Amino acid sequence: MIIGELINSSRKAVRPLIAERDAQAICEVAAAQVKAGADYIDLNCGTFLEEEPERLRWLVETVRQAVDAPLSLDSPNPQALASALPAAGQQVLINSISAEKERFRALLPLILEYRAKVVALCMADGEIAQTAEDRVMIGGKLIEDLTAAGVALDDIYLDPLVQPLSVSEAGAGVITETVRRIRQLYPGVHTVCGLSNISFGLPNRKLINRYFLAQAISAGMDSFILDPTDQKLMGAYYASRALAGQDRFCGQYLKAHRRGLYSGE
């Protein structure tokens, strides 16, 4: 699953569009991501803090007018989610819950009420675990607690939390090992990550993102939060899935080729 990341108030080009309620521009960004291959559109206006409930509701209502793709509501704020969820339409993805007790208790009722898919962060007590073993342990607890509460395994997208290579030189290896173990222990659960986190603070970020994408797919990761309008990144996505045996008869790769995705290669 591809989750389009571009409608995020932390992006310099997008914040003023949300601040000024530029519906046309927001709709154009959403439509461009769907056209490029996004399955879900992520919406984040967390930098507005106290205004987040109102802003997130406006974003949902605006994007719903432009695209039929389902939405990912990117907020840990239960008030913002409660404001926006009634307008979200078809099965929404809540991004994200974690093993932190207060956050889990606050968001679980909304996940159950709206039968939402959910991104679950491998994080407890406000800290990111540094080893694959610890992330698998936290992820396993999240899976068990969510399924015990009634969330379907197929609706859980475990996020092992990518840290930048610039601060964690072993970070990519920790992610791939975590994904492999989770997929072995919990067949049927999904895994997801914010792809571009891996390259933060480094030059030639797009190059690093593409190679990490291939590594993550080989390890079993099946969902990504990324920029689907980056043609070379999407080209790497389809090629990597074919190489990993995840694309029957290379069907998706061939479709991408026929629509000209690789014309510049």
Protein backbone atom coordinates (compact mmCIF):
# COMPACT_ATOMS: atom_id res chain seq x y z
CA MET A 1 0.00 0.00 0.00
CA ILE A 2 1.25 3.45 -0.95
CA ILE A 3 0.27 6.33 1.36
CA GLY A 4 0.84 9.74 -0.22
CA GLU A 5 2.71 11.97 2.22
CA LEU A 6 2.55 15.41 0.60
CA ILE A 7 -0.37 17.07 2.43
CA ASN A 8 1.51 17.77 5.64
CA SER A 9 1.68 21.15 7.37
CA SER A 10 5.33 20.57 8.27
CA ARG A 11 6.15 20.98 4.56
CA LYS A 12 7.05 24.59 3.75
CA ALA A 13 5.07 24.57 0.50
CA VAL A 14 1.94 23.11 2.11
CA ARG A 15 1.57 24.95 5.41
CA PRO A 16 0.45 28.24 3.78
CA LEU A 17 -2.09 26.34 1.68
CA ILE A 18 -3.70 25.02 4.87
CA ALA A 19 -3.35 28.33 6.70
CA GLU A 20 -5.07 30.21 3.87
CA ARG A 21 -7.58 27.42 3.20
CA ASP A 22 -6.54 27.19 -0.43
CA ALA A 23 -8.89 24.36 -1.34
CA GLN A 24 -8.01 24.32 -5.03
CA ALA A 25 -4.28 23.89 -4.38
CA ILE A 26 -4.86 21.19 -1.75
CA CYS A 27 -7.15 19.30 -4.13
CA GLU A 28 -4.52 19.48 -6.87
CA VAL A 29 -1.89 17.96 -4.55
CA ALA A 30 -4.28 15.18 -3.55
CA ALA A 31 -5.30 14.42 -7.14
CA ALA A 32 -1.69 14.36 -8.33
CA GLN A 33 -0.79 11.76 -5.69
CA VAL A 34 -3.70 9.50 -6.61
CA LYS A 35 -2.82 9.79 -10.31
CA ALA A 36 0.77 8.83 -9.48
CA GLY A 37 -0.28 5.65 -7.64
CA ALA A 38 -1.23 6.52 -4.04
CA ASP A 39 -3.72 4.12 -2.45
CA TYR A 40 -4.32 6.39 0.56
CA ILE A 41 -3.85 10.14 1.05
CA ASP A 42 -2.22 11.15 4.34
CA LEU A 43 -3.47 14.36 5.97
CA ASN A 44 -1.44 16.09 8.67
CA CYS A 45 -1.91 19.56 10.11
CA GLY A 46 -0.22 18.96 13.46
CA THR A 47 1.85 22.15 13.36
CA PHE A 48 -1.32 24.17 13.96
CA LEU A 49 -1.58 22.76 17.50
CA GLU A 50 -4.70 24.29 19.11
CA GLU A 51 -6.38 24.70 15.72
CA GLU A 52 -5.73 21.11 14.68
CA PRO A 53 -9.30 19.75 15.13
CA GLU A 54 -10.78 22.45 12.92
CA ARG A 55 -7.95 22.33 10.37
CA LEU A 56 -8.00 18.54 10.04
CA ARG A 57 -11.77 18.53 9.55
CA TRP A 58 -11.37 21.14 6.79
CA LEU A 59 -8.64 19.11 5.11
CA VAL A 60 -10.78 15.98 5.13
CA GLU A 61 -13.82 17.75 3.69
CA THR A 62 -11.69 19.45 1.05
CA VAL A 63 -9.79 16.37 -0.12
CA ARG A 64 -12.98 14.26 -0.14
CA GLN A 65 -14.28 16.59 -2.89
CA ALA A 66 -11.24 15.91 -5.08
CA VAL A 67 -10.44 12.20 -4.82
CA ASP A 68 -12.16 8.89 -4.14
CA ALA A 69 -9.08 7.35 -2.48
CA PRO A 70 -9.41 6.63 1.25
CA LEU A 71 -7.70 8.89 3.76
CA SER A 72 -5.00 8.49 6.38
CA LEU A 73 -5.53 10.86 9.32
CA ASP A 74 -2.07 11.57 10.68
CA SER A 75 -2.52 12.74 14.26
CA PRO A 76 -2.13 11.45 17.83
CA ASN A 77 -4.70 14.05 18.97
CA PRO A 78 -8.02 12.33 19.84
CA GLN A 79 -9.91 15.64 19.62
CA ALA A 80 -8.63 16.28 16.10
CA LEU A 81 -9.46 12.72 15.02
CA ALA A 82 -12.94 12.87 16.56
CA SER A 83 -13.59 16.08 14.64
CA ALA A 84 -12.39 14.74 11.29
CA LEU A 85 -13.46 11.08 11.28
CA PRO A 86 -17.19 11.64 10.64
CA ALA A 87 -16.32 13.34 7.33
CA ALA A 88 -13.67 10.84 6.22
CA GLY A 89 -15.94 8.44 4.34
CA GLN A 90 -14.74 4.94 3.43
CA GLN A 91 -12.42 2.94 5.69
CA VAL A 92 -9.92 5.39 7.09
CA LEU A 93 -6.39 4.77 8.34
CA ILE A 94 -5.57 6.30 11.72
CA ASN A 95 -1.90 7.23 11.90
CA SER A 96 -1.01 6.48 14.66
CA ILE A 97 -1.35 4.64 17.94
CA SER A 98 1.56 3.39 20.07
CA ALA A 99 2.20 1.28 23.15
CA GLU A 100 2.27 4.41 25.32
CA LYS A 101 -0.58 3.82 27.76
CA GLU A 102 -2.31 7.21 27.54
CA ARG A 103 -2.10 7.35 23.77
CA PHE A 104 -3.37 3.79 23.40
CA ARG A 105 -6.33 4.35 25.71
CA ALA A 106 -7.25 7.65 24.03
CA LEU A 107 -7.20 6.39 20.44
CA LEU A 108 -8.50 2.82 20.75
CA PRO A 109 -12.19 3.83 21.15
CA LEU A 110 -12.03 5.86 17.91
CA ILE A 111 -10.35 3.00 16.03
CA LEU A 112 -13.09 0.62 17.16
CA GLU A 113 -15.98 3.04 16.58
CA TYR A 114 -14.96 3.75 12.99
CA ARG A 115 -13.55 0.27 12.29
CA ALA A 116 -10.41 2.02 11.11
CA LYS A 117 -7.18 0.62 9.87
CA VAL A 118 -4.36 1.71 12.16
CA VAL A 119 -0.65 2.48 12.05
CA ALA A 120 0.89 1.18 15.27
CA LEU A 121 4.27 2.61 16.26
CA CYS A 122 6.86 0.38 17.92
CA MET A 123 7.26 2.88 20.74
CA ALA A 124 6.58 2.71 24.46
CA ASP A 125 7.06 5.23 27.26
CA GLY A 126 7.96 7.99 24.80
CA GLU A 127 11.20 6.38 23.61
CA ILE A 128 12.20 4.58 20.42
CA ALA A 129 13.70 1.17 21.15
CA GLN A 130 17.18 0.81 19.68
CA THR A 131 17.29 -2.91 18.91
CA ALA A 132 15.25 -5.14 16.65
CA GLU A 133 14.52 -7.41 19.63
CA ASP A 134 12.94 -4.58 21.62
CA ARG A 135 10.94 -3.29 18.66
CA VAL A 136 9.60 -6.76 17.95
CA MET A 137 8.60 -7.11 21.60
CA ILE A 138 6.74 -3.78 21.57
CA GLY A 139 5.20 -4.53 18.20
CA GLY A 140 4.03 -7.92 19.39
CA LYS A 141 2.33 -6.39 22.42
CA LEU A 142 0.58 -3.84 20.23
CA ILE A 143 -0.66 -6.55 17.89
CA GLU A 144 -1.91 -8.68 20.77
CA ASP A 145 -3.62 -5.76 22.55
CA LEU A 146 -5.26 -4.45 19.38
CA THR A 147 -6.54 -7.84 18.23
CA ALA A 148 -7.79 -8.62 21.76
CA ALA A 149 -9.80 -5.38 21.60
CA GLY A 150 -11.38 -6.42 18.30
CA VAL A 151 -9.12 -4.90 15.63
CA ALA A 152 -8.61 -7.27 12.71
CA LEU A 153 -5.02 -8.37 12.10
CA ASP A 154 -5.35 -7.29 8.47
CA ASP A 155 -6.15 -3.73 9.65
CA ILE A 156 -2.91 -3.34 11.64
CA TYR A 157 0.11 -1.65 10.02
CA LEU A 158 3.09 -1.93 12.33
CA ASP A 159 5.63 0.88 12.00
CA PRO A 160 9.12 -0.13 13.24
CA LEU A 161 10.11 3.58 13.27
CA VAL A 162 12.82 4.47 10.79
CA GLN A 163 15.58 6.64 12.24
CA PRO A 164 17.88 8.70 10.00
CA LEU A 165 21.16 7.12 8.98
CA SER A 166 22.75 10.41 9.98
CA VAL A 167 22.05 9.60 13.65
CA SER A 168 21.85 5.79 13.58
CA GLU A 169 24.30 4.10 11.22
CA ALA A 170 22.74 0.69 11.92
CA GLY A 171 19.20 2.01 11.57
CA ALA A 172 18.38 0.42 8.22
CA GLY A 173 19.49 -3.00 9.42
CA VAL A 174 17.39 -2.70 12.57
CA ILE A 175 14.32 -1.94 10.46
CA THR A 176 14.76 -4.84 8.04
CA GLU A 177 15.44 -7.29 10.88
CA THR A 178 12.38 -6.06 12.79
CA VAL A 179 10.18 -6.47 9.73
CA ARG A 180 11.45 -10.00 9.02
CA ARG A 181 10.78 -11.14 12.59
CA ILE A 182 7.35 -9.53 12.80
CA ARG A 183 6.23 -11.12 9.54
CA GLN A 184 7.45 -14.51 10.77
CA LEU A 185 5.79 -14.25 14.18
CA TYR A 186 2.54 -12.60 13.06
CA PRO A 187 1.61 -13.72 9.53
CA GLY A 188 -1.12 -11.48 8.18
CA VAL A 189 -0.06 -8.26 9.91
CA HIS A 190 1.18 -5.41 7.72
CA THR A 191 4.29 -3.27 8.15
CA VAL A 192 4.71 0.36 7.13
CA CYS A 193 7.22 3.19 7.46
CA GLY A 194 7.80 6.84 6.66
CA LEU A 195 10.36 6.11 3.97
CA SER A 196 12.14 9.46 3.70
CA ASN A 197 13.06 9.46 7.41
CA ILE A 198 16.02 7.25 6.53
CA SER A 199 17.77 9.99 4.53
CA PHE A 200 17.09 13.00 6.77
CA GLY A 201 20.16 15.22 7.14
CA LEU A 202 22.07 13.63 4.26
CA PRO A 203 22.78 14.75 0.66
CA ASN A 204 21.28 12.92 -2.33
CA ARG A 205 18.28 11.92 -0.24
CA LYS A 206 16.26 10.52 -3.13
CA LEU A 207 19.01 8.03 -3.95
CA ILE A 208 19.13 6.72 -0.38
CA ASN A 209 15.33 6.51 -0.29
CA ARG A 210 15.22 4.33 -3.42
CA TYR A 211 17.80 1.84 -2.19
CA PHE A 212 16.24 1.63 1.26
CA LEU A 213 12.86 1.02 -0.37
CA ALA A 214 14.29 -2.01 -2.17
CA GLN A 215 15.84 -3.34 1.06
CA ALA A 216 12.62 -2.90 3.01
CA ILE A 217 10.51 -4.65 0.36
CA SER A 218 12.95 -7.58 0.31
CA ALA A 219 12.58 -7.85 4.09
CA GLY A 220 8.78 -8.06 3.78
CA MET A 221 7.57 -4.50 4.31
CA ASP A 222 4.39 -4.07 2.30
CA SER A 223 3.30 -0.46 2.89
CA PHE A 224 5.05 2.91 2.65
CA ILE A 225 4.39 6.55 3.42
CA LEU A 226 6.18 8.37 0.60
CA ASP A 227 5.98 10.86 -2.25
CA PRO A 228 4.23 8.98 -5.07
CA THR A 229 4.91 11.82 -7.52
CA ASP A 230 8.62 10.94 -7.42
CA GLN A 231 8.71 8.85 -10.60
CA LYS A 232 12.08 7.24 -9.96
CA LEU A 233 11.00 6.22 -6.47
CA MET A 234 7.80 4.67 -7.78
CA GLY A 235 9.81 2.96 -10.52
CA ALA A 236 12.02 1.43 -7.85
CA TYR A 237 8.90 0.36 -5.95
CA TYR A 238 7.40 -1.65 -8.81
CA ALA A 239 10.76 -3.13 -9.84
CA SER A 240 11.59 -4.12 -6.25
CA ARG A 241 8.23 -5.81 -5.73
CA ALA A 242 8.71 -7.80 -8.92
CA LEU A 243 12.19 -8.89 -7.83
CA ALA A 244 10.88 -9.88 -4.39
CA GLY A 245 8.27 -12.16 -5.94
CA GLN A 246 5.39 -9.90 -4.87
CA ASP A 247 4.09 -9.07 -8.36
CA ARG A 248 2.39 -11.98 -10.13
CA PHE A 249 3.80 -12.33 -13.65
CA CYS A 250 5.28 -8.81 -13.18
CA GLY A 251 1.79 -7.43 -13.84
CA GLN A 252 2.14 -4.17 -11.89
CA TYR A 253 5.63 -3.58 -13.26
CA LEU A 254 4.35 -4.01 -16.82
CA LYS A 255 1.42 -1.68 -16.18
CA ALA A 256 3.85 0.95 -14.88
CA HIS A 257 5.98 0.48 -18.00
CA ARG A 258 2.98 0.85 -20.31
CA ARG A 259 1.91 4.12 -18.72
CA GLY A 260 5.42 5.53 -19.27
CA LEU A 261 6.82 5.44 -15.74
CA TYR A 262 10.21 4.23 -17.01
CA SER A 263 10.38 6.38 -20.14
CA GLY A 264 13.24 8.46 -18.74
CA GLU A 265 15.42 5.49 -17.79
